Amino acid sequence: MHIELPEKRYYSIGEVAKAFDVNTSLLRFWEKEFDVLKPKKNAKGTRKFTPDDIKNLELIFHLVKERGFTLDGAKTHLKEQGKKTSSTFEIIRKLEGIKAELVKIKEQL
């Protein structure tokens, strides 16, 4: 899954939910379940997600929705693998992006 978000410093929960095609309630639930998700909140409690939060959400989404991990399994995997998992995941995402661009070029030829 490739997430399409503009380059910004902060994203609203609605923007993030739309990009991941999930409900905002799921994002709030994952925020409670996973320690790595810490969106900024203003005085009214409005959540603002940073690009780092988006990367963590992509990893959680990949583990839970795409690979079928349970929440406990995903938490354990994140704790045990740590940075190794996130760097491998980032490499895979970059390669998927390159592949998508190459497919577009091929279709244009």
PDB file of N, CA and C in Angstrom:
ATOM      1  N   MET A   1       0.841  -1.177   0.000  1.00  0.00           N
ATOM      2  CA  MET A   1       0.000   0.000   0.000  1.00  0.00           C
ATOM      3  C   MET A   1       0.887   1.241   0.000  1.00  0.00           C
ATOM      4  N   HIS A   2       0.613   2.137  -0.914  1.00  0.00           N
ATOM      5  CA  HIS A   2       1.364   3.382  -1.014  1.00  0.00           C
ATOM      6  C   HIS A   2       0.476   4.524  -0.535  1.00  0.00           C
ATOM      7  N   ILE A   3       0.946   5.258   0.450  1.00  0.00           N
ATOM      8  CA  ILE A   3       0.172   6.343   1.049  1.00  0.00           C
ATOM      9  C   ILE A   3       0.469   7.648   0.311  1.00  0.00           C
ATOM     10  N   GLU A   4      -0.579   8.320  -0.145  1.00  0.00           N
ATOM     11  CA  GLU A   4      -0.438   9.592  -0.847  1.00  0.00           C
ATOM     12  C   GLU A   4      -0.820  10.735   0.089  1.00  0.00           C
ATOM     13  N   LEU A   5       0.185  11.412   0.627  1.00  0.00           N
ATOM     14  CA  LEU A   5      -0.047  12.580   1.467  1.00  0.00           C
ATOM     15  C   LEU A   5       0.892  13.691   1.004  1.00  0.00           C
ATOM     16  N   PRO A   6       0.431  14.935   1.008  1.00  0.00           N
ATOM     17  CA  PRO A   6       1.321  16.037   0.633  1.00  0.00           C
ATOM     18  C   PRO A   6       2.400  16.244   1.697  1.00  0.00           C
ATOM     19  N   GLU A   7       3.494  16.892   1.300  1.00  0.00           N
ATOM     20  CA  GLU A   7       4.563  17.190   2.255  1.00  0.00           C
ATOM     21  C   GLU A   7       4.090  18.292   3.204  1.00  0.00           C
ATOM     22  N   LYS A   8       3.876  17.915   4.453  1.00  0.00           N
ATOM     23  CA  LYS A   8       3.440  18.878   5.463  1.00  0.00           C
ATOM     24  C   LYS A   8       4.119  18.538   6.782  1.00  0.00           C
ATOM     25  N   ARG A   9       4.079  19.489   7.693  1.00  0.00           N
ATOM     26  CA  ARG A   9       4.645  19.254   9.017  1.00  0.00           C
ATOM     27  C   ARG A   9       3.675  18.473   9.897  1.00  0.00           C
ATOM     28  N   TYR A  10       2.380  18.752   9.753  1.00  0.00           N
ATOM     29  CA  TYR A  10       1.359  18.080  10.547  1.00  0.00           C
ATOM     30  C   TYR A  10       0.174  17.695   9.665  1.00  0.00           C
ATOM     31  N   TYR A  11      -0.450  16.559  10.009  1.00  0.00           N
ATOM     32  CA  TYR A  11      -1.624  16.072   9.290  1.00  0.00           C
ATOM     33  C   TYR A  11      -2.758  15.885  10.284  1.00  0.00           C
ATOM     34  N   SER A  12      -3.963  16.209   9.864  1.00  0.00           N
ATOM     35  CA  SER A  12      -5.124  15.990  10.730  1.00  0.00           C
ATOM     36  C   SER A  12      -5.472  14.507  10.723  1.00  0.00           C
ATOM     37  N   ILE A  13      -6.242  14.099  11.706  1.00  0.00           N
ATOM     38  CA  ILE A  13      -6.633  12.688  11.801  1.00  0.00           C
ATOM     39  C   ILE A  13      -7.516  12.302  10.607  1.00  0.00           C
ATOM     40  N   GLY A  14      -8.302  13.241  10.097  1.00  0.00           N
ATOM     41  CA  GLY A  14      -9.135  12.970   8.932  1.00  0.00           C
ATOM     42  C   GLY A  14      -8.307  12.707   7.679  1.00  0.00           C
ATOM     43  N   GLU A  15      -7.251  13.501   7.487  1.00  0.00           N
ATOM     44  CA  GLU A  15      -6.370  13.302   6.333  1.00  0.00           C
ATOM     45  C   GLU A  15      -5.693  11.938   6.398  1.00  0.00           C
ATOM     46  N   VAL A  16      -5.230  11.590   7.586  1.00  0.00           N
ATOM     47  CA  VAL A  16      -4.527  10.324   7.770  1.00  0.00           C
ATOM     48  C   VAL A  16      -5.480   9.149   7.558  1.00  0.00           C
ATOM     49  N   ALA A  17      -6.675   9.250   8.128  1.00  0.00           N
ATOM     50  CA  ALA A  17      -7.665   8.178   7.976  1.00  0.00           C
ATOM     51  C   ALA A  17      -8.033   7.982   6.509  1.00  0.00           C
ATOM     52  N   LYS A  18      -8.184   9.067   5.783  1.00  0.00           N
ATOM     53  CA  LYS A  18      -8.516   8.978   4.364  1.00  0.00           C
ATOM     54  C   LYS A  18      -7.364   8.353   3.576  1.00  0.00           C
ATOM     55  N   ALA A  19      -6.128   8.719   3.900  1.00  0.00           N
ATOM     56  CA  ALA A  19      -4.966   8.177   3.195  1.00  0.00           C
ATOM     57  C   ALA A  19      -4.835   6.671   3.416  1.00  0.00           C
ATOM     58  N   PHE A  20      -5.142   6.199   4.621  1.00  0.00           N
ATOM     59  CA  PHE A  20      -5.047   4.776   4.936  1.00  0.00           C
ATOM     60  C   PHE A  20      -6.349   4.028   4.645  1.00  0.00           C
ATOM     61  N   ASP A  21      -7.400   4.758   4.312  1.00  0.00           N
ATOM     62  CA  ASP A  21      -8.715   4.185   4.038  1.00  0.00           C
ATOM     63  C   ASP A  21      -9.242   3.407   5.248  1.00  0.00           C
ATOM     64  N   VAL A  22      -9.153   4.045   6.413  1.00  0.00           N
ATOM     65  CA  VAL A  22      -9.664   3.473   7.664  1.00  0.00           C
ATOM     66  C   VAL A  22     -10.480   4.547   8.380  1.00  0.00           C
ATOM     67  N   ASN A  23     -11.188   4.143   9.412  1.00  0.00           N
ATOM     68  CA  ASN A  23     -11.950   5.089  10.229  1.00  0.00           C
ATOM     69  C   ASN A  23     -11.024   5.810  11.200  1.00  0.00           C
ATOM     70  N   THR A  24     -11.428   7.023  11.583  1.00  0.00           N
ATOM     71  CA  THR A  24     -10.635   7.771  12.561  1.00  0.00           C
ATOM     72  C   THR A  24     -10.617   7.055  13.908  1.00  0.00           C
ATOM     73  N   SER A  25     -11.678   6.321  14.203  1.00  0.00           N
ATOM     74  CA  SER A  25     -11.734   5.597  15.480  1.00  0.00           C
ATOM     75  C   SER A  25     -10.646   4.526  15.546  1.00  0.00           C
ATOM     76  N   LEU A  26     -10.307   3.916  14.407  1.00  0.00           N
ATOM     77  CA  LEU A  26      -9.237   2.920  14.394  1.00  0.00           C
ATOM     78  C   LEU A  26      -7.899   3.578  14.710  1.00  0.00           C
ATOM     79  N   LEU A  27      -7.670   4.766  14.184  1.00  0.00           N
ATOM     80  CA  LEU A  27      -6.424   5.472  14.475  1.00  0.00           C
ATOM     81  C   LEU A  27      -6.341   5.838  15.955  1.00  0.00           C
ATOM     82  N   ARG A  28      -7.460   6.280  16.528  1.00  0.00           N
ATOM     83  CA  ARG A  28      -7.470   6.594  17.960  1.00  0.00           C
ATOM     84  C   ARG A  28      -7.217   5.337  18.790  1.00  0.00           C
ATOM     85  N   PHE A  29      -7.789   4.216  18.368  1.00  0.00           N
ATOM     86  CA  PHE A  29      -7.581   2.946  19.072  1.00  0.00           C
ATOM     87  C   PHE A  29      -6.119   2.526  18.992  1.00  0.00           C
ATOM     88  N   TRP A  30      -5.532   2.594  17.795  1.00  0.00           N
ATOM     89  CA  TRP A  30      -4.115   2.220  17.649  1.00  0.00           C
ATOM     90  C   TRP A  30      -3.220   3.140  18.466  1.00  0.00           C
ATOM     91  N   GLU A  31      -3.608   4.410  18.590  1.00  0.00           N
ATOM     92  CA  GLU A  31      -2.828   5.352  19.397  1.00  0.00           C
ATOM     93  C   GLU A  31      -2.762   4.885  20.855  1.00  0.00           C
ATOM     94  N   LYS A  32      -3.871   4.344  21.349  1.00  0.00           N
ATOM     95  CA  LYS A  32      -3.898   3.829  22.716  1.00  0.00           C
ATOM     96  C   LYS A  32      -3.105   2.530  22.845  1.00  0.00           C
ATOM     97  N   GLU A  33      -3.141   1.708  21.808  1.00  0.00           N
ATOM     98  CA  GLU A  33      -2.525   0.381  21.866  1.00  0.00           C
ATOM     99  C   GLU A  33      -1.010   0.389  21.632  1.00  0.00           C
ATOM    100  N   PHE A  34      -0.532   1.272  20.761  1.00  0.00           N
ATOM    101  CA  PHE A  34       0.879   1.265  20.378  1.00  0.00           C
ATOM    102  C   PHE A  34       1.589   2.490  20.946  1.00  0.00           C
ATOM    103  N   ASP A  35       2.654   2.237  21.702  1.00  0.00           N
ATOM    104  CA  ASP A  35       3.403   3.314  22.345  1.00  0.00           C
ATOM    105  C   ASP A  35       4.137   4.206  21.351  1.00  0.00           C
ATOM    106  N   VAL A  36       4.444   3.694  20.158  1.00  0.00           N
ATOM    107  CA  VAL A  36       5.201   4.479  19.181  1.00  0.00           C
ATOM    108  C   VAL A  36       4.363   5.594  18.561  1.00  0.00           C
ATOM    109  N   LEU A  37       3.045   5.523  18.673  1.00  0.00           N
ATOM    110  CA  LEU A  37       2.174   6.563  18.128  1.00  0.00           C
ATOM    111  C   LEU A  37       1.915   7.623  19.190  1.00  0.00           C
ATOM    112  N   LYS A  38       2.440   8.798  18.953  1.00  0.00           N
ATOM    113  CA  LYS A  38       2.247   9.911  19.883  1.00  0.00           C
ATOM    114  C   LYS A  38       1.940  11.186  19.104  1.00  0.00           C
ATOM    115  N   PRO A  39       0.740  11.298  18.512  1.00  0.00           N
ATOM    116  CA  PRO A  39       0.436  12.536  17.787  1.00  0.00           C
ATOM    117  C   PRO A  39       0.344  13.718  18.753  1.00  0.00           C
ATOM    118  N   LYS A  40       0.694  14.877  18.250  1.00  0.00           N
ATOM    119  CA  LYS A  40       0.604  16.093  19.053  1.00  0.00           C
ATOM    120  C   LYS A  40      -0.866  16.446  19.223  1.00  0.00           C
ATOM    121  N   LYS A  41      -1.194  17.018  20.379  1.00  0.00           N
ATOM    122  CA  LYS A  41      -2.576  17.456  20.623  1.00  0.00           C
ATOM    123  C   LYS A  41      -2.547  18.908  21.066  1.00  0.00           C
ATOM    124  N   ASN A  42      -3.490  19.681  20.542  1.00  0.00           N
ATOM    125  CA  ASN A  42      -3.583  21.070  20.980  1.00  0.00           C
ATOM    126  C   ASN A  42      -4.466  21.156  22.223  1.00  0.00           C
ATOM    127  N   ALA A  43      -4.779  22.361  22.659  1.00  0.00           N
ATOM    128  CA  ALA A  43      -5.568  22.555  23.874  1.00  0.00           C
ATOM    129  C   ALA A  43      -6.957  21.934  23.769  1.00  0.00           C
ATOM    130  N   LYS A  44      -7.514  21.894  22.555  1.00  0.00           N
ATOM    131  CA  LYS A  44      -8.838  21.298  22.357  1.00  0.00           C
ATOM    132  C   LYS A  44      -8.769  19.779  22.238  1.00  0.00           C
ATOM    133  N   GLY A  45      -7.574  19.222  22.123  1.00  0.00           N
ATOM    134  CA  GLY A  45      -7.431  17.772  21.992  1.00  0.00           C
ATOM    135  C   GLY A  45      -7.379  17.295  20.553  1.00  0.00           C
ATOM    136  N   THR A  46      -7.293  18.227  19.610  1.00  0.00           N
ATOM    137  CA  THR A  46      -7.207  17.863  18.200  1.00  0.00           C
ATOM    138  C   THR A  46      -5.848  17.237  17.916  1.00  0.00           C
ATOM    139  N   ARG A  47      -5.871  16.056  17.302  1.00  0.00           N
ATOM    140  CA  ARG A  47      -4.634  15.345  17.007  1.00  0.00           C
ATOM    141  C   ARG A  47      -4.000  15.864  15.725  1.00  0.00           C
ATOM    142  N   LYS A  48      -2.678  16.024  15.777  1.00  0.00           N
ATOM    143  CA  LYS A  48      -1.896  16.395  14.601  1.00  0.00           C
ATOM    144  C   LYS A  48      -0.766  15.377  14.467  1.00  0.00           C
ATOM    145  N   PHE A  49      -0.780  14.636  13.378  1.00  0.00           N
ATOM    146  CA  PHE A  49       0.199  13.587  13.147  1.00  0.00           C
ATOM    147  C   PHE A  49       1.402  14.143  12.399  1.00  0.00           C
ATOM    148  N   THR A  50       2.600  13.791  12.841  1.00  0.00           N
ATOM    149  CA  THR A  50       3.835  14.204  12.190  1.00  0.00           C
ATOM    150  C   THR A  50       4.216  13.168  11.130  1.00  0.00           C
ATOM    151  N   PRO A  51       5.159  13.488  10.257  1.00  0.00           N
ATOM    152  CA  PRO A  51       5.631  12.481   9.292  1.00  0.00           C
ATOM    153  C   PRO A  51       6.178  11.215   9.966  1.00  0.00           C
ATOM    154  N   ASP A  52       6.799  11.348  11.141  1.00  0.00           N
ATOM    155  CA  ASP A  52       7.263  10.162  11.870  1.00  0.00           C
ATOM    156  C   ASP A  52       6.093   9.300  12.324  1.00  0.00           C
ATOM    157  N   ASP A  53       5.009   9.949  12.758  1.00  0.00           N
ATOM    158  CA  ASP A  53       3.806   9.199  13.133  1.00  0.00           C
ATOM    159  C   ASP A  53       3.250   8.444  11.931  1.00  0.00           C
ATOM    160  N   ILE A  54       3.308   9.072  10.763  1.00  0.00           N
ATOM    161  CA  ILE A  54       2.804   8.438   9.541  1.00  0.00           C
ATOM    162  C   ILE A  54       3.639   7.199   9.217  1.00  0.00           C
ATOM    163  N   LYS A  55       4.956   7.303   9.367  1.00  0.00           N
ATOM    164  CA  LYS A  55       5.817   6.136   9.119  1.00  0.00           C
ATOM    165  C   LYS A  55       5.482   5.004  10.081  1.00  0.00           C
ATOM    166  N   ASN A  56       5.282   5.330  11.349  1.00  0.00           N
ATOM    167  CA  ASN A  56       4.914   4.313  12.329  1.00  0.00           C
ATOM    168  C   ASN A  56       3.552   3.709  12.009  1.00  0.00           C
ATOM    169  N   LEU A  57       2.616   4.542  11.579  1.00  0.00           N
ATOM    170  CA  LEU A  57       1.291   4.045  11.194  1.00  0.00           C
ATOM    171  C   LEU A  57       1.386   3.110   9.991  1.00  0.00           C
ATOM    172  N   GLU A  58       2.239   3.458   9.026  1.00  0.00           N
ATOM    173  CA  GLU A  58       2.422   2.586   7.863  1.00  0.00           C
ATOM    174  C   GLU A  58       2.930   1.218   8.299  1.00  0.00           C
ATOM    175  N   LEU A  59       3.877   1.204   9.227  1.00  0.00           N
ATOM    176  CA  LEU A  59       4.422  -0.064   9.713  1.00  0.00           C
ATOM    177  C   LEU A  59       3.358  -0.863  10.459  1.00  0.00           C
ATOM    178  N   ILE A  60       2.603  -0.209  11.322  1.00  0.00           N
ATOM    179  CA  ILE A  60       1.536  -0.884  12.069  1.00  0.00           C
ATOM    180  C   ILE A  60       0.470  -1.402  11.103  1.00  0.00           C
ATOM    181  N   PHE A  61       0.084  -0.577  10.135  1.00  0.00           N
ATOM    182  CA  PHE A  61      -0.910  -0.985   9.147  1.00  0.00           C
ATOM    183  C   PHE A  61      -0.417  -2.209   8.382  1.00  0.00           C
ATOM    184  N   HIS A  62       0.846  -2.184   7.986  1.00  0.00           N
ATOM    185  CA  HIS A  62       1.433  -3.311   7.254  1.00  0.00           C
ATOM    186  C   HIS A  62       1.371  -4.595   8.091  1.00  0.00           C
ATOM    187  N   LEU A  63       1.772  -4.499   9.348  1.00  0.00           N
ATOM    188  CA  LEU A  63       1.794  -5.688  10.200  1.00  0.00           C
ATOM    189  C   LEU A  63       0.393  -6.217  10.473  1.00  0.00           C
ATOM    190  N   VAL A  64      -0.535  -5.319  10.806  1.00  0.00           N
ATOM    191  CA  VAL A  64      -1.871  -5.752  11.227  1.00  0.00           C
ATOM    192  C   VAL A  64      -2.776  -6.073  10.036  1.00  0.00           C
ATOM    193  N   LYS A  65      -2.840  -5.182   9.068  1.00  0.00           N
ATOM    194  CA  LYS A  65      -3.799  -5.344   7.973  1.00  0.00           C
ATOM    195  C   LYS A  65      -3.268  -6.187   6.824  1.00  0.00           C
ATOM    196  N   GLU A  66      -1.989  -6.021   6.478  1.00  0.00           N
ATOM    197  CA  GLU A  66      -1.458  -6.720   5.316  1.00  0.00           C
ATOM    198  C   GLU A  66      -0.857  -8.084   5.664  1.00  0.00           C
ATOM    199  N   ARG A  67      -0.161  -8.166   6.794  1.00  0.00           N
ATOM    200  CA  ARG A  67       0.457  -9.438   7.163  1.00  0.00           C
ATOM    201  C   ARG A  67      -0.395 -10.254   8.127  1.00  0.00           C
ATOM    202  N   GLY A  68      -1.443  -9.669   8.674  1.00  0.00           N
ATOM    203  CA  GLY A  68      -2.381 -10.411   9.503  1.00  0.00           C
ATOM    204  C   GLY A  68      -1.956 -10.638  10.940  1.00  0.00           C
ATOM    205  N   PHE A  69      -1.059  -9.803  11.455  1.00  0.00           N
ATOM    206  CA  PHE A  69      -0.645  -9.933  12.853  1.00  0.00           C
ATOM    207  C   PHE A  69      -1.804  -9.540  13.762  1.00  0.00           C
ATOM    208  N   THR A  70      -1.858 -10.155  14.942  1.00  0.00           N
ATOM    209  CA  THR A  70      -2.773  -9.674  15.976  1.00  0.00           C
ATOM    210  C   THR A  70      -2.149  -8.420  16.569  1.00  0.00           C
ATOM    211  N   LEU A  71      -2.916  -7.660  17.337  1.00  0.00           N
ATOM    212  CA  LEU A  71      -2.352  -6.454  17.944  1.00  0.00           C
ATOM    213  C   LEU A  71      -1.208  -6.804  18.889  1.00  0.00           C
ATOM    214  N   ASP A  72      -1.394  -7.854  19.688  1.00  0.00           N
ATOM    215  CA  ASP A  72      -0.329  -8.269  20.594  1.00  0.00           C
ATOM    216  C   ASP A  72       0.896  -8.746  19.816  1.00  0.00           C
ATOM    217  N   GLY A  73       0.656  -9.457  18.727  1.00  0.00           N
ATOM    218  CA  GLY A  73       1.761  -9.929  17.897  1.00  0.00           C
ATOM    219  C   GLY A  73       2.511  -8.771  17.263  1.00  0.00           C
ATOM    220  N   ALA A  74       1.783  -7.761  16.815  1.00  0.00           N
ATOM    221  CA  ALA A  74       2.423  -6.590  16.216  1.00  0.00           C
ATOM    222  C   ALA A  74       3.228  -5.824  17.253  1.00  0.00           C
ATOM    223  N   LYS A  75       2.681  -5.680  18.464  1.00  0.00           N
ATOM    224  CA  LYS A  75       3.420  -5.001  19.534  1.00  0.00           C
ATOM    225  C   LYS A  75       4.716  -5.736  19.854  1.00  0.00           C
ATOM    226  N   THR A  76       4.618  -7.053  19.970  1.00  0.00           N
ATOM    227  CA  THR A  76       5.795  -7.865  20.266  1.00  0.00           C
ATOM    228  C   THR A  76       6.819  -7.755  19.145  1.00  0.00           C
ATOM    229  N   HIS A  77       6.355  -7.820  17.918  1.00  0.00           N
ATOM    230  CA  HIS A  77       7.249  -7.727  16.764  1.00  0.00           C
ATOM    231  C   HIS A  77       7.970  -6.380  16.746  1.00  0.00           C
ATOM    232  N   LEU A  78       7.247  -5.304  17.029  1.00  0.00           N
ATOM    233  CA  LEU A  78       7.857  -3.979  17.052  1.00  0.00           C
ATOM    234  C   LEU A  78       8.890  -3.859  18.159  1.00  0.00           C
ATOM    235  N   LYS A  79       8.616  -4.439  19.319  1.00  0.00           N
ATOM    236  CA  LYS A  79       9.572  -4.360  20.433  1.00  0.00           C
ATOM    237  C   LYS A  79      10.815  -5.199  20.162  1.00  0.00           C
ATOM    238  N   GLU A  80      10.621  -6.404  19.621  1.00  0.00           N
ATOM    239  CA  GLU A  80      11.749  -7.302  19.388  1.00  0.00           C
ATOM    240  C   GLU A  80      12.613  -6.849  18.221  1.00  0.00           C
ATOM    241  N   GLN A  81      11.984  -6.459  17.130  1.00  0.00           N
ATOM    242  CA  GLN A  81      12.737  -6.109  15.926  1.00  0.00           C
ATOM    243  C   GLN A  81      13.200  -4.656  15.928  1.00  0.00           C
ATOM    244  N   GLY A  82      12.432  -3.787  16.533  1.00  0.00           N
ATOM    245  CA  GLY A  82      12.811  -2.385  16.649  1.00  0.00           C
ATOM    246  C   GLY A  82      13.139  -1.722  15.330  1.00  0.00           C
ATOM    247  N   LYS A  83      14.321  -1.127  15.256  1.00  0.00           N
ATOM    248  CA  LYS A  83      14.730  -0.363  14.080  1.00  0.00           C
ATOM    249  C   LYS A  83      14.972  -1.255  12.874  1.00  0.00           C
ATOM    250  N   LYS A  84      15.305  -2.501  13.109  1.00  0.00           N
ATOM    251  CA  LYS A  84      15.556  -3.416  11.994  1.00  0.00           C
ATOM    252  C   LYS A  84      14.309  -3.562  11.131  1.00  0.00           C
ATOM    253  N   THR A  85      13.169  -3.738  11.765  1.00  0.00           N
ATOM    254  CA  THR A  85      11.909  -3.891  11.040  1.00  0.00           C
ATOM    255  C   THR A  85      11.564  -2.616  10.279  1.00  0.00           C
ATOM    256  N   SER A  86      11.719  -1.475  10.928  1.00  0.00           N
ATOM    257  CA  SER A  86      11.333  -0.227  10.276  1.00  0.00           C
ATOM    258  C   SER A  86      12.237   0.090   9.092  1.00  0.00           C
ATOM    259  N   SER A  87      13.533  -0.198   9.190  1.00  0.00           N
ATOM    260  CA  SER A  87      14.421   0.085   8.061  1.00  0.00           C
ATOM    261  C   SER A  87      14.127  -0.863   6.899  1.00  0.00           C
ATOM    262  N   THR A  88      13.877  -2.124   7.186  1.00  0.00           N
ATOM    263  CA  THR A  88      13.526  -3.078   6.141  1.00  0.00           C
ATOM    264  C   THR A  88      12.207  -2.671   5.488  1.00  0.00           C
ATOM    265  N   PHE A  89      11.254  -2.260   6.299  1.00  0.00           N
ATOM    266  CA  PHE A  89       9.952  -1.832   5.795  1.00  0.00           C
ATOM    267  C   PHE A  89      10.107  -0.609   4.888  1.00  0.00           C
ATOM    268  N   GLU A  90      10.940   0.358   5.289  1.00  0.00           N
ATOM    269  CA  GLU A  90      11.152   1.554   4.481  1.00  0.00           C
ATOM    270  C   GLU A  90      11.780   1.199   3.136  1.00  0.00           C
ATOM    271  N   ILE A  91      12.721   0.275   3.128  1.00  0.00           N
ATOM    272  CA  ILE A  91      13.355  -0.156   1.885  1.00  0.00           C
ATOM    273  C   ILE A  91      12.321  -0.791   0.961  1.00  0.00           C
ATOM    274  N   ILE A  92      11.470  -1.642   1.514  1.00  0.00           N
ATOM    275  CA  ILE A  92      10.428  -2.292   0.711  1.00  0.00           C
ATOM    276  C   ILE A  92       9.482  -1.249   0.132  1.00  0.00           C
ATOM    277  N   ARG A  93       9.074  -0.265   0.927  1.00  0.00           N
ATOM    278  CA  ARG A  93       8.165   0.783   0.446  1.00  0.00           C
ATOM    279  C   ARG A  93       8.809   1.600  -0.673  1.00  0.00           C
ATOM    280  N   LYS A  94      10.090   1.916  -0.541  1.00  0.00           N
ATOM    281  CA  LYS A  94      10.774   2.671  -1.581  1.00  0.00           C
ATOM    282  C   LYS A  94      10.836   1.864  -2.873  1.00  0.00           C
ATOM    283  N   LEU A  95      11.123   0.583  -2.747  1.00  0.00           N
ATOM    284  CA  LEU A  95      11.176  -0.272  -3.936  1.00  0.00           C
ATOM    285  C   LEU A  95       9.803  -0.394  -4.598  1.00  0.00           C
ATOM    286  N   GLU A  96       8.751  -0.463  -3.790  1.00  0.00           N
ATOM    287  CA  GLU A  96       7.402  -0.509  -4.349  1.00  0.00           C
ATOM    288  C   GLU A  96       7.073   0.779  -5.091  1.00  0.00           C
ATOM    289  N   GLY A  97       7.538   1.912  -4.559  1.00  0.00           N
ATOM    290  CA  GLY A  97       7.329   3.191  -5.228  1.00  0.00           C
ATOM    291  C   GLY A  97       8.062   3.252  -6.563  1.00  0.00           C
ATOM    292  N   ILE A  98       9.288   2.752  -6.585  1.00  0.00           N
ATOM    293  CA  ILE A  98      10.071   2.707  -7.820  1.00  0.00           C
ATOM    294  C   ILE A  98       9.389   1.810  -8.843  1.00  0.00           C
ATOM    295  N   LYS A  99       8.888   0.669  -8.379  1.00  0.00           N
ATOM    296  CA  LYS A  99       8.195  -0.253  -9.280  1.00  0.00           C
ATOM    297  C   LYS A  99       6.961   0.413  -9.882  1.00  0.00           C
ATOM    298  N   ALA A 100       6.206   1.129  -9.066  1.00  0.00           N
ATOM    299  CA  ALA A 100       5.003   1.808  -9.559  1.00  0.00           C
ATOM    300  C   ALA A 100       5.362   2.849 -10.615  1.00  0.00           C
ATOM    301  N   GLU A 101       6.444   3.587 -10.393  1.00  0.00           N
ATOM    302  CA  GLU A 101       6.883   4.573 -11.376  1.00  0.00           C
ATOM    303  C   GLU A 101       7.309   3.907 -12.681  1.00  0.00           C
ATOM    304  N   LEU A 102       8.014   2.798 -12.577  1.00  0.00           N
ATOM    305  CA  LEU A 102       8.450   2.071 -13.778  1.00  0.00           C
ATOM    306  C   LEU A 102       7.255   1.519 -14.556  1.00  0.00           C
ATOM    307  N   VAL A 103       6.250   1.051 -13.848  1.00  0.00           N
ATOM    308  CA  VAL A 103       5.043   0.555 -14.510  1.00  0.00           C
ATOM    309  C   VAL A 103       4.344   1.686 -15.260  1.00  0.00           C
ATOM    310  N   LYS A 104       4.280   2.885 -14.638  1.00  0.00           N
ATOM    311  CA  LYS A 104       3.682   4.043 -15.310  1.00  0.00           C
ATOM    312  C   LYS A 104       4.445   4.384 -16.581  1.00  0.00           C
ATOM    313  N   ILE A 105       5.775   4.367 -16.501  1.00  0.00           N
ATOM    314  CA  ILE A 105       6.606   4.663 -17.670  1.00  0.00           C
ATOM    315  C   ILE A 105       6.373   3.639 -18.761  1.00  0.00           C
ATOM    316  N   LYS A 106       6.291   2.375 -18.370  1.00  0.00           N
ATOM    317  CA  LYS A 106       6.072   1.305 -19.335  1.00  0.00           C
ATOM    318  C   LYS A 106       4.737   1.481 -20.058  1.00  0.00           C
ATOM    319  N   GLU A 107       3.703   1.866 -19.309  1.00  0.00           N
ATOM    320  CA  GLU A 107       2.385   2.059 -19.909  1.00  0.00           C
ATOM    321  C   GLU A 107       2.367   3.256 -20.866  1.00  0.00           C
ATOM    322  N   GLN A 108       3.200   4.236 -20.621  1.00  0.00           N
ATOM    323  CA  GLN A 108       3.254   5.415 -21.482  1.00  0.00           C
ATOM    324  C   GLN A 108       3.988   5.133 -22.791  1.00  0.00           C
ATOM    325  N   LEU A 109       4.827   4.107 -22.812  1.00  0.00           N
ATOM    326  CA  LEU A 109       5.588   3.781 -24.021  1.00  0.00           C
ATOM    327  C   LEU A 109       4.771   3.096 -25.066  1.00  0.00           C
TER     328      LEU A 109
END
